[in-house]
Amino acid sequence: MAAETNQPTARSTGFADRLPDHVPMHLGLVAAIALMASPLVLAVVMSTQTTTEVYQVTNLGIGSRGLSNYQAALTEHNFATYMVNSLVMSVVVVVAKVALSLLAALALVYYELPYERAVFMFILLTLLLPVPVRIVPLFQLMADLGWTNTLLALTGPYVASATAVFLFRQHFLSIPDSLVETARVDGVGPLRFLFGVLVPMSRGMIAGVCVITFIYAWNQFLWPLVAVTDKSSQVVQVGIRYIQGSAQAGLTQWGLIMAAAVLTLLPPLLVLLALHRPLLETFAIQQK
């Protein structure tokens, strides 16, 4: 008998095996993005519907109200004023917090302070006492100062930030000492060194703190609800609660609420888009 020859047999490959390696990963990313974006898409769809259409569970298309809910929220429910109040509050908090944190980090890193580590630890310990924890004595302090129903009451408790001080301090420690020595030899003063050297080298970090601080201030609800009793001085988060309290024929006007919620999303999104470039530059530098 002739010797049998062992010849390899070709295996049949399935459709998944013939796909490029990156296709399943991209499909998974698209599915994850669609899942995360579904609440936002649903909110946009509901913002165009009437109250009756919202309560029809099978109605998932664009409603008959169009942009009428947005117009009603801005005009009839005074939401434009709430957005202006939140914008002013957030900008003031961002500017004041970043400026104060930069100065504090400059002092902690480049000055010889007595008990410097103890001071820094005390700053970090303030993280254990957020505004909701000390809301009662804080409100009493605002009342004693006569700051209730004012911008000072909304912004004052959020000006100091241990987190921002910590981030700037750690970033300043990573800057080469040669720059500091060169600045001292050239006779550069502290503020000139801060704004001429440290700030340009910390653009990404400052951008990140600005984005986080803006979103944090913009989303405040509890403290403005307590500190401000005048509706014309309230912020958007409390304004949404006001709209939720208004009912039509005993039904919550979810279309109007979703329109206000979509409007509330726009300013933080614009801030993130405006500051995304320095953020990406910082991430790129850290990966090198």
Protein backbone atom coordinates (compact mmCIF):
# COMPACT_ATOMS: atom_id res chain seq x y z
CA MET A 1 0.00 0.00 0.00
CA ALA A 2 1.16 3.47 -0.74
CA ALA A 3 2.09 5.47 2.27
CA GLU A 4 -0.56 7.86 3.26
CA THR A 5 0.53 11.48 3.15
CA ASN A 6 -0.58 13.81 5.90
CA GLN A 7 -1.86 16.92 4.21
CA PRO A 8 -3.14 19.84 6.27
CA THR A 9 -6.79 20.51 5.86
CA ALA A 10 -8.01 24.08 5.60
CA ARG A 11 -10.27 25.15 8.43
CA SER A 12 -13.42 26.95 7.55
CA THR A 13 -13.38 30.43 8.96
CA GLY A 14 -16.48 32.16 10.14
CA PHE A 15 -17.61 35.71 9.33
CA ALA A 16 -16.22 37.05 12.63
CA ASP A 17 -12.77 35.60 11.82
CA ARG A 18 -12.69 37.41 8.47
CA LEU A 19 -13.36 40.83 10.05
CA PRO A 20 -10.39 43.14 10.67
CA ASP A 21 -9.29 43.30 14.28
CA HIS A 22 -10.44 46.90 14.75
CA VAL A 23 -14.03 46.36 13.58
CA PRO A 24 -15.35 44.59 16.75
CA MET A 25 -13.69 47.23 18.91
CA HIS A 26 -15.26 50.05 16.91
CA LEU A 27 -18.66 48.37 17.05
CA GLY A 28 -18.34 48.07 20.80
CA LEU A 29 -17.41 51.76 21.09
CA VAL A 30 -20.36 52.78 18.94
CA ALA A 31 -22.71 50.67 21.07
CA ALA A 32 -21.31 52.19 24.27
CA ILE A 33 -21.65 55.74 22.91
CA ALA A 34 -25.22 55.05 21.78
CA LEU A 35 -26.08 53.68 25.21
CA MET A 36 -24.62 56.70 27.02
CA ALA A 37 -26.21 59.18 24.61
CA SER A 38 -29.68 57.62 24.77
CA PRO A 39 -30.84 59.63 27.84
CA LEU A 40 -29.78 62.89 26.16
CA VAL A 41 -31.52 61.93 22.91
CA LEU A 42 -34.64 61.00 24.85
CA ALA A 43 -34.56 64.35 26.68
CA VAL A 44 -34.26 66.25 23.37
CA VAL A 45 -37.18 64.28 21.91
CA MET A 46 -39.34 64.85 24.99
CA SER A 47 -38.54 68.57 24.93
CA THR A 48 -40.48 68.84 21.66
CA GLN A 49 -43.58 67.01 22.90
CA THR A 50 -46.73 68.12 24.66
CA THR A 51 -47.64 66.80 28.10
CA THR A 52 -50.08 64.32 26.56
CA GLU A 53 -47.50 63.06 24.05
CA VAL A 54 -44.91 62.55 26.79
CA TYR A 55 -47.26 60.32 28.75
CA GLN A 56 -47.83 58.16 25.64
CA VAL A 57 -45.10 55.58 26.19
CA THR A 58 -45.11 54.37 22.59
CA ASN A 59 -44.60 57.90 21.21
CA LEU A 60 -40.84 58.12 20.66
CA GLY A 61 -40.80 60.57 17.76
CA ILE A 62 -40.41 64.33 17.54
CA GLY A 63 -43.40 66.02 19.13
CA SER A 64 -45.73 68.69 17.86
CA ARG A 65 -44.43 71.45 20.12
CA GLY A 66 -41.14 71.94 18.27
CA LEU A 67 -39.29 74.85 19.89
CA SER A 68 -42.37 76.12 21.74
CA ASN A 69 -41.29 74.46 25.00
CA TYR A 70 -37.92 76.22 24.84
CA GLN A 71 -39.59 79.58 24.22
CA ALA A 72 -42.04 79.01 27.07
CA ALA A 73 -39.23 78.05 29.47
CA LEU A 74 -37.18 81.13 28.60
CA THR A 75 -40.00 83.65 28.70
CA GLU A 76 -43.02 82.43 30.66
CA HIS A 77 -40.99 80.70 33.38
CA ASN A 78 -38.18 83.27 33.59
CA PHE A 79 -35.53 80.67 32.74
CA ALA A 80 -33.41 83.16 30.81
CA THR A 81 -32.87 85.10 34.04
CA TYR A 82 -31.92 81.92 35.88
CA MET A 83 -29.34 81.10 33.21
CA VAL A 84 -27.80 84.58 33.43
CA ASN A 85 -27.63 84.28 37.23
CA SER A 86 -25.95 80.87 37.00
CA LEU A 87 -23.53 82.12 34.36
CA VAL A 88 -22.47 85.11 36.47
CA MET A 89 -22.14 82.92 39.56
CA SER A 90 -20.07 80.28 37.75
CA VAL A 91 -17.72 82.78 36.09
CA VAL A 92 -17.09 84.61 39.38
CA VAL A 93 -16.41 81.31 41.18
CA VAL A 94 -14.03 80.13 38.45
CA VAL A 95 -12.02 83.36 38.32
CA ALA A 96 -11.82 83.77 42.09
CA LYS A 97 -11.05 80.12 42.81
CA VAL A 98 -8.33 79.80 40.16
CA ALA A 99 -6.67 83.08 41.19
CA LEU A 100 -6.71 82.24 44.91
CA SER A 101 -5.54 78.67 44.32
CA LEU A 102 -2.65 79.80 42.11
CA LEU A 103 -1.47 82.25 44.76
CA ALA A 104 -1.79 79.64 47.51
CA ALA A 105 0.14 77.04 45.50
CA LEU A 106 2.83 79.63 44.69
CA ALA A 107 3.28 80.37 48.39
CA LEU A 108 3.36 76.68 49.37
CA VAL A 109 5.93 75.69 46.74
CA TYR A 110 8.26 78.64 46.31
CA TYR A 111 8.23 80.28 49.76
CA GLU A 112 9.75 79.02 53.00
CA LEU A 113 6.78 79.12 55.33
CA PRO A 114 6.79 78.04 58.97
CA TYR A 115 4.94 74.75 59.42
CA GLU A 116 4.39 74.54 55.68
CA ARG A 117 3.40 70.86 55.69
CA ALA A 118 0.98 71.42 58.57
CA VAL A 119 -0.64 74.30 56.68
CA PHE A 120 -0.97 72.16 53.58
CA MET A 121 -2.50 69.30 55.56
CA PHE A 122 -4.95 71.71 57.15
CA ILE A 123 -5.99 72.87 53.68
CA LEU A 124 -6.60 69.26 52.65
CA LEU A 125 -8.61 68.62 55.82
CA THR A 126 -11.14 71.23 54.69
CA LEU A 127 -12.26 68.66 52.10
CA LEU A 128 -13.95 66.87 55.01
CA LEU A 129 -16.27 69.86 55.48
CA PRO A 130 -18.10 70.55 52.20
CA VAL A 131 -20.81 73.19 51.99
CA PRO A 132 -23.77 70.80 52.68
CA VAL A 133 -22.14 69.70 55.96
CA ARG A 134 -21.75 73.28 57.28
CA ILE A 135 -24.84 74.71 55.63
CA VAL A 136 -26.55 75.85 58.87
CA PRO A 137 -23.68 77.91 60.35
CA LEU A 138 -22.81 79.13 56.86
CA PHE A 139 -26.33 80.43 56.31
CA GLN A 140 -26.22 82.13 59.71
CA LEU A 141 -22.96 83.79 58.71
CA MET A 142 -24.47 85.02 55.44
CA ALA A 143 -27.46 86.40 57.33
CA ASP A 144 -25.24 88.19 59.86
CA LEU A 145 -23.24 89.76 57.03
CA GLY A 146 -26.40 90.76 55.20
CA TRP A 147 -25.39 88.78 52.10
CA THR A 148 -28.58 86.75 51.62
CA ASN A 149 -30.19 87.13 48.18
CA THR A 150 -26.92 88.50 46.79
CA LEU A 151 -24.18 87.27 44.49
CA LEU A 152 -21.78 87.20 47.45
CA ALA A 153 -23.92 84.57 49.16
CA LEU A 154 -23.87 82.37 46.04
CA THR A 155 -20.15 82.66 45.34
CA GLY A 156 -18.48 83.23 48.72
CA PRO A 157 -18.57 79.62 50.02
CA TYR A 158 -17.03 78.27 46.80
CA VAL A 159 -14.10 80.66 46.33
CA ALA A 160 -11.58 78.63 48.33
CA SER A 161 -10.79 75.15 47.01
CA ALA A 162 -8.44 72.63 48.60
CA THR A 163 -8.63 70.45 45.49
CA ALA A 164 -7.44 73.24 43.18
CA VAL A 165 -4.63 74.17 45.58
CA PHE A 166 -3.51 70.55 45.69
CA LEU A 167 -3.53 70.20 41.89
CA PHE A 168 -1.60 73.42 41.30
CA ARG A 169 0.90 72.61 44.06
CA GLN A 170 1.64 69.19 42.61
CA HIS A 171 2.02 70.67 39.15
CA PHE A 172 4.37 73.42 40.34
CA LEU A 173 6.54 70.80 42.05
CA SER A 174 7.09 69.13 38.66
CA ILE A 175 8.50 72.32 37.08
CA PRO A 176 12.33 72.20 36.86
CA ASP A 177 14.24 74.10 39.53
CA SER A 178 16.47 75.60 36.85
CA LEU A 179 13.64 77.90 35.79
CA VAL A 180 13.25 79.13 39.35
CA GLU A 181 16.96 79.80 39.69
CA THR A 182 17.06 81.61 36.36
CA ALA A 183 14.15 83.80 37.41
CA ARG A 184 15.87 84.65 40.70
CA VAL A 185 19.09 85.58 38.93
CA ASP A 186 17.18 87.81 36.52
CA GLY A 187 15.42 89.52 39.42
CA VAL A 188 11.92 88.39 38.42
CA GLY A 189 9.35 89.16 41.10
CA PRO A 190 6.83 86.64 42.45
CA LEU A 191 3.79 87.85 40.48
CA ARG A 192 5.81 88.25 37.29
CA PHE A 193 7.18 84.74 37.76
CA LEU A 194 3.65 83.46 38.33
CA PHE A 195 2.04 85.05 35.28
CA GLY A 196 5.10 84.98 33.02
CA VAL A 197 6.39 81.46 33.72
CA LEU A 198 4.06 79.31 35.80
CA VAL A 199 0.74 80.20 34.19
CA PRO A 200 1.93 79.60 30.57
CA MET A 201 3.40 76.26 31.66
CA SER A 202 0.18 75.31 33.45
CA ARG A 203 -2.35 76.07 30.73
CA GLY A 204 -3.70 72.54 30.61
CA MET A 205 -3.99 72.25 34.38
CA ILE A 206 -5.69 75.65 34.62
CA ALA A 207 -8.08 74.68 31.82
CA GLY A 208 -8.97 71.46 33.61
CA VAL A 209 -9.61 73.25 36.91
CA CYS A 210 -11.70 75.88 35.10
CA VAL A 211 -13.88 73.23 33.43
CA ILE A 212 -14.39 71.25 36.63
CA THR A 213 -15.07 74.38 38.68
CA PHE A 214 -17.51 75.81 36.15
CA ILE A 215 -19.53 72.61 35.94
CA TYR A 216 -19.48 72.24 39.74
CA ALA A 217 -20.70 75.81 40.27
CA TRP A 218 -23.25 75.57 37.46
CA ASN A 219 -24.82 72.43 38.97
CA GLN A 220 -25.28 73.84 42.48
CA PHE A 221 -28.78 73.32 43.85
CA LEU A 222 -28.90 72.98 47.63
CA TRP A 223 -26.96 76.09 48.66
CA PRO A 224 -28.71 78.50 46.24
CA LEU A 225 -32.05 77.08 47.37
CA VAL A 226 -31.18 77.94 50.97
CA ALA A 227 -29.25 81.19 50.52
CA VAL A 228 -31.56 82.86 47.99
CA THR A 229 -35.28 83.36 48.56
CA ASP A 230 -35.88 85.85 45.75
CA LYS A 231 -36.92 83.99 42.60
CA SER A 232 -35.41 86.61 40.32
CA SER A 233 -31.97 85.88 41.85
CA GLN A 234 -32.13 82.10 41.59
CA VAL A 235 -30.03 79.76 39.43
CA VAL A 236 -30.96 77.25 36.74
CA GLN A 237 -31.04 74.13 38.90
CA VAL A 238 -33.57 75.68 41.25
CA GLY A 239 -35.36 77.12 38.22
CA ILE A 240 -35.92 73.59 36.89
CA ARG A 241 -37.45 72.71 40.25
CA TYR A 242 -39.79 75.69 39.93
CA ILE A 243 -40.91 74.48 36.51
CA GLN A 244 -41.43 70.97 37.87
CA GLY A 245 -43.73 72.40 40.50
CA SER A 246 -46.04 73.86 37.88
CA ALA A 247 -48.53 71.23 36.71
CA GLN A 248 -50.99 71.22 33.83
CA ALA A 249 -54.25 69.37 34.38
CA GLY A 250 -52.61 67.54 37.27
CA LEU A 251 -49.79 66.25 35.06
CA THR A 252 -46.13 67.22 35.31
CA GLN A 253 -45.02 69.15 32.23
CA TRP A 254 -42.09 66.91 31.34
CA GLY A 255 -41.71 68.44 27.89
CA LEU A 256 -41.14 71.86 29.43
CA ILE A 257 -38.80 70.40 32.07
CA MET A 258 -36.74 68.60 29.44
CA ALA A 259 -36.49 71.77 27.37
CA ALA A 260 -35.11 73.60 30.41
CA ALA A 261 -32.73 70.70 31.11
CA VAL A 262 -31.39 70.78 27.54
CA LEU A 263 -30.84 74.54 27.81
CA THR A 264 -29.00 73.94 31.08
CA LEU A 265 -26.58 71.55 29.34
CA LEU A 266 -25.44 74.10 26.74
CA PRO A 267 -23.13 76.45 28.77
CA PRO A 268 -20.99 73.66 30.32
CA LEU A 269 -20.75 72.04 26.90
CA LEU A 270 -19.57 75.31 25.34
CA VAL A 271 -16.97 75.76 28.09
CA LEU A 272 -15.67 72.23 27.53
CA LEU A 273 -15.44 72.80 23.77
CA ALA A 274 -13.66 76.13 24.26
CA LEU A 275 -11.03 74.65 26.60
CA HIS A 276 -10.60 71.23 25.03
CA ARG A 277 -7.41 72.11 23.15
CA PRO A 278 -5.21 72.90 26.21
CA LEU A 279 -6.66 69.84 27.92
CA LEU A 280 -5.67 67.61 25.00
CA GLU A 281 -2.22 69.22 24.88
CA THR A 282 -1.70 68.40 28.56
CA PHE A 283 -2.74 64.77 28.05
CA ALA A 284 -0.39 64.50 25.07
CA ILE A 285 2.55 65.86 27.06
CA GLN A 286 1.87 63.45 29.94
CA GLN A 287 1.84 60.48 27.58
CA LYS A 288 5.26 61.30 26.09
